[in-house]
Amino acid sequence: MAVVIPTRPNRTEPLPLDEEYDRDRNKIERFFGRMKPYRRLATRYDKTVVSFLACWHIAAALDWLR
């Protein structure tokens, strides 16, 4: 397991950080933050996995088009 979140600046011995992993983690966190307003995704109203995944695809496509 790799350290992905940067350590606090006041830490005496900072842990090594892979900045590429940190950038990828940040992109994923921002994506899920943008998906939060879609209540249907958060509450999972769909009955099947296929329709739930389709809603994620639609929401991601709408986000990408913005």
Protein backbone atom coordinates (compact mmCIF):
# COMPACT_ATOMS: atom_id res chain seq x y z
CA MET A 1 0.00 0.00 0.00
CA ALA A 2 1.35 3.40 -0.93
CA VAL A 3 0.91 6.70 0.90
CA VAL A 4 -1.30 8.84 -1.28
CA ILE A 5 -2.47 11.70 0.94
CA PRO A 6 0.26 14.27 1.71
CA THR A 7 1.45 14.50 5.31
CA ARG A 8 0.97 17.61 7.42
CA PRO A 9 3.57 20.31 6.89
CA ASN A 10 4.51 20.37 10.59
CA ARG A 11 5.44 16.67 10.69
CA THR A 12 9.07 16.13 11.74
CA GLU A 13 9.71 13.30 9.29
CA PRO A 14 7.51 13.66 6.19
CA LEU A 15 6.58 10.42 4.46
CA PRO A 16 7.54 10.04 0.81
CA LEU A 17 4.72 10.94 -1.53
CA ASP A 18 4.10 9.91 -5.12
CA GLU A 19 2.65 13.05 -6.66
CA GLU A 20 1.12 11.16 -9.59
CA TYR A 21 -0.95 9.01 -7.20
CA ASP A 22 -1.96 12.15 -5.33
CA ARG A 23 -3.17 13.80 -8.56
CA ASP A 24 -5.17 10.69 -9.49
CA ARG A 25 -6.71 10.50 -6.01
CA ASN A 26 -7.66 14.17 -6.23
CA LYS A 27 -9.36 13.64 -9.62
CA ILE A 28 -11.40 10.74 -8.24
CA GLU A 29 -12.44 12.66 -5.13
CA ARG A 30 -13.51 15.66 -7.21
CA PHE A 31 -15.50 13.37 -9.54
CA PHE A 32 -17.44 11.83 -6.65
CA GLY A 33 -17.99 15.32 -5.24
CA ARG A 34 -19.60 16.35 -8.54
CA MET A 35 -21.77 13.22 -8.51
CA LYS A 36 -23.23 13.96 -5.05
CA PRO A 37 -26.03 16.23 -6.31
CA TYR A 38 -27.48 13.31 -8.29
CA ARG A 39 -29.78 11.99 -5.58
CA ARG A 40 -30.69 8.93 -7.61
CA LEU A 41 -27.08 7.71 -7.45
CA ALA A 42 -26.75 8.36 -3.72
CA THR A 43 -29.99 6.62 -2.71
CA ARG A 44 -29.89 3.84 -5.32
CA TYR A 45 -33.53 3.78 -6.37
CA ASP A 46 -32.81 1.33 -9.20
CA LYS A 47 -33.71 -2.30 -8.68
CA THR A 48 -31.08 -3.90 -10.88
CA VAL A 49 -27.33 -3.48 -11.07
CA VAL A 50 -27.52 -2.84 -14.80
CA SER A 51 -29.88 0.13 -14.46
CA PHE A 52 -27.84 1.50 -11.51
CA LEU A 53 -24.65 1.32 -13.58
CA ALA A 54 -26.47 2.94 -16.52
CA CYS A 55 -27.39 5.89 -14.29
CA TRP A 56 -23.72 6.26 -13.31
CA HIS A 57 -22.76 6.27 -16.97
CA ILE A 58 -25.37 8.91 -17.79
CA ALA A 59 -24.29 11.10 -14.88
CA ALA A 60 -20.62 10.76 -15.84
CA ALA A 61 -21.42 11.63 -19.46
CA LEU A 62 -23.41 14.70 -18.38
CA ASP A 63 -20.50 15.74 -16.17
CA TRP A 64 -18.07 15.25 -19.03
CA LEU A 65 -20.22 17.38 -21.34
CA ARG A 66 -20.23 20.29 -18.87
